[in-house]
Amino acid sequence: MYKTIAALMLVSLTAFAQTDTKPIEFTLQPLTQNFSVLGAAKGGLAVEGNTGCMIVVPVKLSRPQVDSTVVHVTSIRFGIAIPNGRNDWKPIAFSQYWPLNINVSSKQETTVEYAIGCFRMPDNLVAGQYWLFMQINFDDVQYGSSSTYAATEEYWQLIDVPKDLRLIPVPSPLRREGLE
């Protein structure tokens, strides 16, 4: 079943590639090193009509070095978010879950070759006033079913992040051309 879904997604991405639309490149980084699962990815957002598809190649998942237990990552999904008051944010578009079913430990970074998520593009997006994110869903003996996040550089520019969090610098911002 998953191979069929992946094949259908690749066919839709081929259709995007045949248009004049260029994907917007982005880099996703963990919001903090204090998360149980750290996820990073590079990819592109292809937009055609009212549909946007985030394609990441590859997704890298790891655990902080201080966490010696293994967690089971069940799925990831992608989306667009906007600030919602001070220190808060609101997702305005979500993709379906991309199933993973993998274990992640602090001893070795785990790489997922690719992941894809498509969603309806929100109306009236303003360039530089939103960010792309990846939600990582996992099961942990200590915390049960939980989620952590990675986001593009705009997150740190738009949200009032508490100063005591150790953040990872994002090397490549989401290009602001397009989606205006």
N, C-alpha and C. Protein backbone atom coordinates (compact mmCIF):
# COMPACT_ATOMS: atom_id res chain seq x y z
N MET A 1 0.81 -1.19 0.00
CA MET A 1 0.00 0.00 0.00
C MET A 1 0.85 1.25 0.00
N TYR A 2 1.90 1.29 0.85
CA TYR A 2 2.75 2.47 0.93
C TYR A 2 3.51 2.70 -0.36
N LYS A 3 3.87 1.61 -1.05
CA LYS A 3 4.55 1.75 -2.33
C LYS A 3 3.61 2.38 -3.35
N THR A 4 2.32 2.05 -3.28
CA THR A 4 1.34 2.64 -4.18
C THR A 4 1.19 4.12 -3.91
N ILE A 5 1.11 4.50 -2.63
CA ILE A 5 1.01 5.91 -2.26
C ILE A 5 2.24 6.66 -2.73
N ALA A 6 3.42 6.10 -2.51
CA ALA A 6 4.66 6.75 -2.93
C ALA A 6 4.69 6.92 -4.44
N ALA A 7 4.23 5.91 -5.18
CA ALA A 7 4.20 6.00 -6.64
C ALA A 7 3.26 7.10 -7.10
N LEU A 8 2.08 7.20 -6.47
CA LEU A 8 1.13 8.27 -6.82
C LEU A 8 1.71 9.64 -6.52
N MET A 9 2.40 9.78 -5.39
CA MET A 9 3.01 11.06 -5.04
C MET A 9 4.09 11.43 -6.05
N LEU A 10 4.89 10.45 -6.46
CA LEU A 10 5.95 10.74 -7.44
C LEU A 10 5.36 11.13 -8.79
N VAL A 11 4.23 10.54 -9.17
CA VAL A 11 3.56 10.93 -10.41
C VAL A 11 3.09 12.39 -10.31
N SER A 12 2.51 12.76 -9.15
CA SER A 12 2.06 14.14 -8.99
C SER A 12 3.23 15.11 -8.98
N LEU A 13 4.36 14.70 -8.42
CA LEU A 13 5.55 15.57 -8.42
C LEU A 13 6.11 15.73 -9.83
N THR A 14 5.99 14.69 -10.65
CA THR A 14 6.42 14.78 -12.04
C THR A 14 5.58 15.82 -12.77
N ALA A 15 4.29 15.87 -12.45
CA ALA A 15 3.41 16.87 -13.06
C ALA A 15 3.86 18.27 -12.66
N PHE A 16 4.24 18.46 -11.37
CA PHE A 16 4.77 19.75 -10.93
C PHE A 16 6.02 20.11 -11.72
N ALA A 17 6.89 19.14 -11.93
CA ALA A 17 8.16 19.39 -12.60
C ALA A 17 7.96 19.79 -14.06
N GLN A 18 6.84 19.40 -14.67
CA GLN A 18 6.60 19.73 -16.07
C GLN A 18 6.04 21.13 -16.26
N THR A 19 5.70 21.82 -15.18
CA THR A 19 5.22 23.20 -15.29
C THR A 19 6.40 24.14 -15.12
N ASP A 20 6.13 25.43 -15.22
CA ASP A 20 7.18 26.44 -15.04
C ASP A 20 7.44 26.75 -13.58
N THR A 21 6.71 26.10 -12.67
CA THR A 21 6.86 26.35 -11.25
C THR A 21 8.15 25.74 -10.73
N LYS A 22 8.99 26.56 -10.09
CA LYS A 22 10.21 26.05 -9.47
C LYS A 22 9.95 25.81 -8.00
N PRO A 23 10.41 24.70 -7.46
CA PRO A 23 10.23 24.48 -6.02
C PRO A 23 11.00 25.52 -5.21
N ILE A 24 10.43 25.91 -4.09
CA ILE A 24 11.08 26.82 -3.16
C ILE A 24 11.90 25.95 -2.21
N GLU A 25 13.20 26.15 -2.18
CA GLU A 25 14.08 25.33 -1.34
C GLU A 25 13.98 25.76 0.12
N PHE A 26 14.13 24.79 1.02
CA PHE A 26 14.08 25.10 2.45
C PHE A 26 14.95 24.11 3.22
N THR A 27 15.26 24.48 4.46
CA THR A 27 15.95 23.62 5.41
C THR A 27 15.15 23.61 6.70
N LEU A 28 14.87 22.43 7.22
CA LEU A 28 14.18 22.27 8.49
C LEU A 28 15.19 21.90 9.56
N GLN A 29 15.11 22.55 10.73
CA GLN A 29 15.99 22.27 11.86
C GLN A 29 15.15 22.12 13.12
N PRO A 30 15.63 21.37 14.13
CA PRO A 30 14.88 21.24 15.39
C PRO A 30 14.66 22.60 16.04
N LEU A 31 13.53 22.78 16.71
CA LEU A 31 13.25 24.03 17.40
C LEU A 31 14.13 24.17 18.64
N THR A 32 14.53 23.07 19.23
CA THR A 32 15.40 23.07 20.40
C THR A 32 16.12 21.74 20.50
N GLN A 33 17.28 21.72 21.14
CA GLN A 33 18.01 20.48 21.37
C GLN A 33 17.41 19.69 22.53
N ASN A 34 16.44 20.26 23.24
CA ASN A 34 15.82 19.60 24.39
C ASN A 34 14.72 18.62 23.99
N PHE A 35 14.40 18.50 22.71
CA PHE A 35 13.38 17.56 22.26
C PHE A 35 13.89 16.13 22.37
N SER A 36 12.97 15.19 22.52
CA SER A 36 13.33 13.77 22.60
C SER A 36 13.80 13.22 21.26
N VAL A 37 13.26 13.75 20.17
CA VAL A 37 13.68 13.36 18.83
C VAL A 37 14.03 14.63 18.07
N LEU A 38 15.22 14.65 17.48
CA LEU A 38 15.65 15.81 16.70
C LEU A 38 15.55 15.44 15.22
N GLY A 39 14.90 16.28 14.45
CA GLY A 39 14.73 16.00 13.03
C GLY A 39 15.22 17.16 12.19
N ALA A 40 15.89 16.86 11.09
CA ALA A 40 16.36 17.87 10.16
C ALA A 40 16.15 17.36 8.75
N ALA A 41 15.91 18.27 7.82
CA ALA A 41 15.69 17.88 6.43
C ALA A 41 15.92 19.07 5.51
N LYS A 42 16.27 18.75 4.28
CA LYS A 42 16.34 19.75 3.21
C LYS A 42 15.35 19.31 2.16
N GLY A 43 14.72 20.29 1.52
CA GLY A 43 13.75 19.92 0.51
C GLY A 43 13.26 21.09 -0.29
N GLY A 44 12.12 20.89 -0.91
CA GLY A 44 11.52 21.92 -1.73
C GLY A 44 10.01 21.90 -1.57
N LEU A 45 9.42 23.08 -1.71
CA LEU A 45 7.97 23.22 -1.70
C LEU A 45 7.55 23.55 -3.12
N ALA A 46 6.82 22.65 -3.74
CA ALA A 46 6.30 22.86 -5.09
C ALA A 46 4.83 23.25 -4.97
N VAL A 47 4.46 24.34 -5.64
CA VAL A 47 3.09 24.83 -5.57
C VAL A 47 2.51 24.88 -6.98
N GLU A 48 1.35 24.27 -7.12
CA GLU A 48 0.62 24.30 -8.39
C GLU A 48 -0.84 24.51 -8.06
N GLY A 49 -1.39 25.63 -8.52
CA GLY A 49 -2.78 25.94 -8.20
C GLY A 49 -2.93 26.15 -6.70
N ASN A 50 -3.87 25.42 -6.10
CA ASN A 50 -4.06 25.57 -4.65
C ASN A 50 -3.46 24.41 -3.85
N THR A 51 -2.56 23.64 -4.48
CA THR A 51 -1.92 22.51 -3.80
C THR A 51 -0.43 22.78 -3.64
N GLY A 52 0.07 22.54 -2.45
CA GLY A 52 1.51 22.62 -2.18
C GLY A 52 2.00 21.25 -1.74
N CYS A 53 3.17 20.86 -2.22
CA CYS A 53 3.77 19.59 -1.80
C CYS A 53 5.18 19.86 -1.30
N MET A 54 5.45 19.40 -0.09
CA MET A 54 6.79 19.47 0.47
C MET A 54 7.47 18.13 0.21
N ILE A 55 8.63 18.21 -0.41
CA ILE A 55 9.41 17.02 -0.72
C ILE A 55 10.74 17.17 0.01
N VAL A 56 11.08 16.22 0.88
CA VAL A 56 12.35 16.29 1.61
C VAL A 56 13.20 15.08 1.27
N VAL A 57 14.46 15.34 1.01
CA VAL A 57 15.41 14.29 0.64
C VAL A 57 16.76 14.65 1.25
N PRO A 58 17.24 13.98 2.21
CA PRO A 58 16.60 13.01 3.10
C PRO A 58 16.10 13.68 4.36
N VAL A 59 15.48 12.87 5.24
CA VAL A 59 15.12 13.30 6.59
C VAL A 59 16.11 12.63 7.53
N LYS A 60 16.73 13.41 8.42
CA LYS A 60 17.68 12.84 9.39
C LYS A 60 17.08 12.98 10.79
N LEU A 61 17.02 11.85 11.49
CA LEU A 61 16.45 11.80 12.83
C LEU A 61 17.50 11.31 13.81
N SER A 62 17.52 11.93 14.99
CA SER A 62 18.47 11.51 16.02
C SER A 62 17.87 11.79 17.39
N ARG A 63 18.58 11.33 18.40
CA ARG A 63 18.21 11.60 19.81
C ARG A 63 19.34 12.41 20.42
N PRO A 64 19.03 13.29 21.38
CA PRO A 64 20.11 13.98 22.08
C PRO A 64 21.06 12.97 22.73
N GLN A 65 22.32 13.29 22.79
CA GLN A 65 23.32 12.37 23.33
C GLN A 65 23.04 11.96 24.78
N VAL A 66 22.36 12.80 25.54
CA VAL A 66 22.07 12.46 26.94
C VAL A 66 20.97 11.42 27.09
N ASP A 67 20.19 11.19 26.04
CA ASP A 67 19.12 10.21 26.08
C ASP A 67 19.61 8.88 25.53
N SER A 68 19.73 7.88 26.40
CA SER A 68 20.28 6.59 25.97
C SER A 68 19.21 5.61 25.50
N THR A 69 17.94 5.89 25.78
CA THR A 69 16.89 4.95 25.36
C THR A 69 16.54 5.13 23.89
N VAL A 70 15.94 4.13 23.34
CA VAL A 70 15.50 4.15 21.94
C VAL A 70 14.03 4.57 21.91
N VAL A 71 13.66 5.41 20.94
CA VAL A 71 12.25 5.76 20.75
C VAL A 71 11.81 5.25 19.38
N HIS A 72 10.53 4.99 19.27
CA HIS A 72 9.95 4.48 18.03
C HIS A 72 9.25 5.63 17.30
N VAL A 73 9.79 6.05 16.17
CA VAL A 73 9.17 7.12 15.38
C VAL A 73 8.13 6.47 14.47
N THR A 74 6.89 6.91 14.63
CA THR A 74 5.78 6.31 13.90
C THR A 74 5.50 7.00 12.57
N SER A 75 5.63 8.33 12.53
CA SER A 75 5.28 9.06 11.31
C SER A 75 5.79 10.50 11.39
N ILE A 76 5.75 11.14 10.24
CA ILE A 76 6.00 12.58 10.17
C ILE A 76 4.93 13.18 9.27
N ARG A 77 4.73 14.48 9.40
CA ARG A 77 3.88 15.21 8.47
C ARG A 77 4.42 16.62 8.35
N PHE A 78 3.98 17.30 7.32
CA PHE A 78 4.49 18.63 7.00
C PHE A 78 3.36 19.64 7.01
N GLY A 79 3.72 20.92 7.15
CA GLY A 79 2.69 21.94 7.15
C GLY A 79 3.24 23.34 7.10
N ILE A 80 2.31 24.28 7.19
CA ILE A 80 2.60 25.71 7.22
C ILE A 80 2.01 26.25 8.50
N ALA A 81 2.75 27.15 9.18
CA ALA A 81 2.27 27.73 10.43
C ALA A 81 2.49 29.24 10.42
N ILE A 82 1.72 29.92 11.27
CA ILE A 82 1.84 31.36 11.45
C ILE A 82 1.92 31.65 12.94
N PRO A 83 2.49 32.82 13.32
CA PRO A 83 2.49 33.18 14.74
C PRO A 83 1.06 33.37 15.24
N ASN A 84 0.85 33.06 16.52
CA ASN A 84 -0.48 33.21 17.13
C ASN A 84 -0.27 33.82 18.51
N GLY A 85 -0.03 35.11 18.55
CA GLY A 85 0.26 35.77 19.81
C GLY A 85 1.71 35.55 20.21
N ARG A 86 2.04 35.89 21.44
CA ARG A 86 3.41 35.78 21.92
C ARG A 86 3.73 34.34 22.29
N ASN A 87 4.85 33.84 21.80
CA ASN A 87 5.34 32.49 22.12
C ASN A 87 4.41 31.36 21.69
N ASP A 88 3.54 31.60 20.74
CA ASP A 88 2.64 30.54 20.30
C ASP A 88 2.54 30.58 18.78
N TRP A 89 2.07 29.48 18.20
CA TRP A 89 1.91 29.42 16.76
C TRP A 89 0.73 28.57 16.41
N LYS A 90 0.25 28.76 15.18
CA LYS A 90 -0.95 28.07 14.74
C LYS A 90 -0.68 27.42 13.38
N PRO A 91 -0.86 26.10 13.29
CA PRO A 91 -0.74 25.45 11.98
C PRO A 91 -1.96 25.81 11.13
N ILE A 92 -1.71 26.17 9.86
CA ILE A 92 -2.83 26.54 8.99
C ILE A 92 -2.98 25.58 7.81
N ALA A 93 -2.04 24.65 7.66
CA ALA A 93 -2.14 23.61 6.63
C ALA A 93 -1.34 22.40 7.08
N PHE A 94 -1.89 21.23 6.88
CA PHE A 94 -1.23 19.97 7.25
C PHE A 94 -1.28 19.00 6.08
N SER A 95 -0.23 18.20 5.95
CA SER A 95 -0.26 17.08 5.01
C SER A 95 -0.79 15.85 5.75
N GLN A 96 -1.00 14.78 5.02
CA GLN A 96 -1.30 13.49 5.63
C GLN A 96 -0.04 13.00 6.33
N TYR A 97 -0.17 12.03 7.21
CA TYR A 97 0.99 11.45 7.88
C TYR A 97 1.77 10.58 6.91
N TRP A 98 3.10 10.71 6.95
CA TRP A 98 4.00 9.85 6.17
C TRP A 98 4.49 8.79 7.15
N PRO A 99 4.05 7.52 7.02
CA PRO A 99 4.42 6.49 8.00
C PRO A 99 5.90 6.14 7.93
N LEU A 100 6.52 5.96 9.10
CA LEU A 100 7.93 5.61 9.15
C LEU A 100 8.18 4.27 9.83
N ASN A 101 7.69 4.10 11.06
CA ASN A 101 7.87 2.84 11.78
C ASN A 101 9.35 2.46 11.94
N ILE A 102 10.14 3.39 12.52
CA ILE A 102 11.57 3.15 12.72
C ILE A 102 11.96 3.48 14.15
N ASN A 103 13.06 2.88 14.60
CA ASN A 103 13.61 3.18 15.92
C ASN A 103 14.77 4.16 15.77
N VAL A 104 14.84 5.09 16.73
CA VAL A 104 15.89 6.10 16.70
C VAL A 104 16.60 6.11 18.04
N SER A 105 17.93 6.12 18.00
CA SER A 105 18.72 6.15 19.23
C SER A 105 19.75 7.28 19.15
N SER A 106 20.37 7.56 20.29
CA SER A 106 21.40 8.60 20.33
C SER A 106 22.74 8.09 19.79
N LYS A 107 22.86 6.80 19.60
CA LYS A 107 24.13 6.23 19.14
C LYS A 107 24.38 6.45 17.66
N GLN A 108 23.30 6.60 16.88
CA GLN A 108 23.47 6.72 15.44
C GLN A 108 22.32 7.52 14.85
N GLU A 109 22.65 8.44 13.96
CA GLU A 109 21.63 9.20 13.25
C GLU A 109 20.90 8.25 12.28
N THR A 110 19.59 8.36 12.20
CA THR A 110 18.79 7.54 11.31
C THR A 110 18.37 8.39 10.12
N THR A 111 18.53 7.87 8.92
CA THR A 111 18.20 8.62 7.71
C THR A 111 17.04 7.95 6.99
N VAL A 112 16.05 8.75 6.65
CA VAL A 112 14.93 8.32 5.82
C VAL A 112 15.19 8.93 4.45
N GLU A 113 15.23 8.10 3.42
CA GLU A 113 15.65 8.55 2.09
C GLU A 113 14.83 9.71 1.55
N TYR A 114 13.51 9.68 1.71
CA TYR A 114 12.67 10.77 1.25
C TYR A 114 11.33 10.71 1.97
N ALA A 115 10.64 11.84 1.96
CA ALA A 115 9.27 11.92 2.48
C ALA A 115 8.56 13.02 1.72
N ILE A 116 7.26 12.86 1.56
CA ILE A 116 6.46 13.80 0.79
C ILE A 116 5.18 14.09 1.56
N GLY A 117 4.75 15.33 1.52
CA GLY A 117 3.48 15.70 2.12
C GLY A 117 2.83 16.82 1.32
N CYS A 118 1.59 16.62 0.91
CA CYS A 118 0.85 17.62 0.14
C CYS A 118 -0.33 18.14 0.95
N PHE A 119 -0.70 19.38 0.72
CA PHE A 119 -1.80 20.01 1.43
C PHE A 119 -2.38 21.14 0.58
N ARG A 120 -3.57 21.57 0.95
CA ARG A 120 -4.18 22.71 0.29
C ARG A 120 -3.46 23.96 0.77
N MET A 121 -3.02 24.78 -0.16
CA MET A 121 -2.33 26.01 0.20
C MET A 121 -3.32 27.01 0.80
N PRO A 122 -2.98 27.60 1.93
CA PRO A 122 -3.87 28.60 2.54
C PRO A 122 -3.97 29.83 1.63
N ASP A 123 -5.12 30.47 1.67
CA ASP A 123 -5.31 31.70 0.91
C ASP A 123 -4.58 32.85 1.61
N ASN A 124 -4.20 33.83 0.84
CA ASN A 124 -3.63 35.08 1.35
C ASN A 124 -2.36 34.91 2.17
N LEU A 125 -1.50 33.97 1.80
CA LEU A 125 -0.21 33.86 2.48
C LEU A 125 0.64 35.07 2.14
N VAL A 126 1.30 35.63 3.13
CA VAL A 126 2.18 36.77 2.91
C VAL A 126 3.62 36.30 3.07
N ALA A 127 4.44 36.55 2.05
CA ALA A 127 5.85 36.12 2.10
C ALA A 127 6.51 36.65 3.37
N GLY A 128 7.26 35.77 4.04
CA GLY A 128 7.97 36.15 5.25
C GLY A 128 7.11 36.17 6.51
N GLN A 129 5.83 35.83 6.41
CA GLN A 129 4.95 35.85 7.57
C GLN A 129 4.45 34.46 7.98
N TYR A 130 5.12 33.43 7.52
CA TYR A 130 4.77 32.05 7.85
C TYR A 130 6.06 31.23 7.82
N TRP A 131 5.97 30.00 8.29
CA TRP A 131 7.11 29.08 8.17
C TRP A 131 6.60 27.69 7.86
N LEU A 132 7.49 26.89 7.31
CA LEU A 132 7.20 25.49 7.04
C LEU A 132 7.68 24.67 8.23
N PHE A 133 7.00 23.57 8.52
CA PHE A 133 7.42 22.74 9.64
C PHE A 133 7.24 21.27 9.32
N MET A 134 7.93 20.45 10.13
CA MET A 134 7.80 19.00 10.08
C MET A 134 7.45 18.53 11.49
N GLN A 135 6.37 17.80 11.62
CA GLN A 135 5.95 17.22 12.90
C GLN A 135 6.44 15.78 12.93
N ILE A 136 7.15 15.42 13.99
CA ILE A 136 7.70 14.07 14.15
C ILE A 136 6.94 13.39 15.28
N ASN A 137 6.23 12.32 14.98
CA ASN A 137 5.43 11.60 15.98
C ASN A 137 6.19 10.35 16.43
N PHE A 138 6.24 10.14 17.74
CA PHE A 138 7.00 9.01 18.27
C PHE A 138 6.37 8.46 19.54
N ASP A 139 6.74 7.24 19.86
CA ASP A 139 6.32 6.58 21.10
C ASP A 139 7.56 6.42 21.98
N ASP A 140 7.43 6.82 23.23
CA ASP A 140 8.53 6.81 24.17
C ASP A 140 8.03 6.18 25.47
N VAL A 141 8.84 5.32 26.08
CA VAL A 141 8.45 4.68 27.34
C VAL A 141 8.14 5.74 28.40
N GLN A 142 8.94 6.79 28.46
CA GLN A 142 8.79 7.82 29.48
C GLN A 142 7.61 8.76 29.19
N TYR A 143 7.42 9.17 27.93
CA TYR A 143 6.44 10.20 27.61
C TYR A 143 5.20 9.67 26.87
N GLY A 144 5.17 8.41 26.48
CA GLY A 144 4.04 7.89 25.71
C GLY A 144 4.11 8.40 24.28
N SER A 145 2.96 8.59 23.63
CA SER A 145 2.92 9.12 22.27
C SER A 145 3.10 10.63 22.33
N SER A 146 4.09 11.12 21.61
CA SER A 146 4.42 12.54 21.63
C SER A 146 4.81 13.01 20.24
N SER A 147 4.99 14.33 20.11
CA SER A 147 5.45 14.92 18.86
C SER A 147 6.52 15.96 19.15
N THR A 148 7.47 16.08 18.23
CA THR A 148 8.43 17.17 18.25
C THR A 148 8.39 17.83 16.88
N TYR A 149 9.07 18.96 16.75
CA TYR A 149 8.97 19.73 15.51
C TYR A 149 10.33 20.22 15.04
N ALA A 150 10.39 20.42 13.74
CA ALA A 150 11.49 21.12 13.09
C ALA A 150 10.84 22.18 12.22
N ALA A 151 11.54 23.30 11.99
CA ALA A 151 10.95 24.39 11.23
C ALA A 151 12.00 25.11 10.39
N THR A 152 11.52 25.93 9.46
CA THR A 152 12.41 26.76 8.66
C THR A 152 12.80 27.99 9.47
N GLU A 153 13.76 28.74 8.96
CA GLU A 153 14.33 29.89 9.66
C GLU A 153 13.29 30.94 10.06
N GLU A 154 12.23 31.06 9.32
CA GLU A 154 11.21 32.07 9.63
C GLU A 154 10.63 31.89 11.02
N TYR A 155 10.64 30.66 11.53
CA TYR A 155 10.13 30.43 12.89
C TYR A 155 10.85 31.34 13.89
N TRP A 156 12.17 31.37 13.81
CA TRP A 156 12.95 32.14 14.78
C TRP A 156 12.79 33.64 14.57
N GLN A 157 12.40 34.05 13.40
CA GLN A 157 12.20 35.47 13.13
C GLN A 157 10.80 35.93 13.53
N LEU A 158 9.82 35.02 13.54
CA LEU A 158 8.43 35.41 13.76
C LEU A 158 7.90 35.09 15.15
N ILE A 159 8.52 34.17 15.85
CA ILE A 159 8.02 33.77 17.17
C ILE A 159 8.93 34.37 18.24
N ASP A 160 8.37 34.74 19.35
CA ASP A 160 9.16 35.28 20.45
C ASP A 160 9.69 34.11 21.27
N VAL A 161 10.85 33.60 20.86
CA VAL A 161 11.42 32.41 21.46
C VAL A 161 12.07 32.76 22.81
N PRO A 162 11.75 32.00 23.88
CA PRO A 162 12.41 32.26 25.17
C PRO A 162 13.93 32.20 25.02
N LYS A 163 14.63 33.09 25.69
CA LYS A 163 16.08 33.22 25.53
C LYS A 163 16.87 32.07 26.12
N ASP A 164 16.28 31.24 27.01
CA ASP A 164 17.04 30.16 27.64
C ASP A 164 17.11 28.90 26.77
N LEU A 165 16.43 28.87 25.63
CA LEU A 165 16.51 27.71 24.74
C LEU A 165 17.76 27.81 23.87
N ARG A 166 18.50 26.72 23.76
CA ARG A 166 19.67 26.67 22.89
C ARG A 166 19.21 26.32 21.48
N LEU A 167 19.33 27.24 20.56
CA LEU A 167 18.84 27.04 19.21
C LEU A 167 19.96 26.68 18.26
N ILE A 168 19.60 25.94 17.21
CA ILE A 168 20.55 25.59 16.16
C ILE A 168 20.43 26.62 15.05
N PRO A 169 21.51 27.23 14.61
CA PRO A 169 21.39 28.17 13.49
C PRO A 169 20.97 27.44 12.22
N VAL A 170 20.15 28.07 11.43
CA VAL A 170 19.66 27.48 10.20
C VAL A 170 20.50 28.01 9.05
N PRO A 171 21.21 27.15 8.32
CA PRO A 171 22.14 27.61 7.30
C PRO A 171 21.49 28.14 6.04
N SER A 172 20.28 27.70 5.70
CA SER A 172 19.70 28.07 4.41
C SER A 172 18.24 28.48 4.60
N PRO A 173 17.90 29.76 4.46
CA PRO A 173 16.52 30.20 4.69
C PRO A 173 15.61 29.82 3.53
N LEU A 174 14.33 29.77 3.82
CA LEU A 174 13.32 29.61 2.79
C LEU A 174 13.35 30.85 1.92
N ARG A 175 13.47 30.69 0.64
CA ARG A 175 13.50 31.86 -0.24
C ARG A 175 12.15 32.55 -0.19
N ARG A 176 12.19 33.85 -0.14
CA ARG A 176 10.97 34.63 0.02
C ARG A 176 10.28 34.95 -1.31
N GLU A 177 10.90 34.63 -2.44
CA GLU A 177 10.19 34.88 -3.68
C GLU A 177 9.12 33.81 -3.85
N GLY A 178 8.04 34.17 -4.46
CA GLY A 178 6.94 33.24 -4.64
C GLY A 178 6.01 33.23 -3.46
N LEU A 179 4.86 32.62 -3.61
CA LEU A 179 3.84 32.50 -2.57
C LEU A 179 3.43 33.84 -2.01
N GLU A 180 3.50 34.89 -2.79
CA GLU A 180 3.07 36.22 -2.30
C GLU A 180 1.64 36.47 -2.68
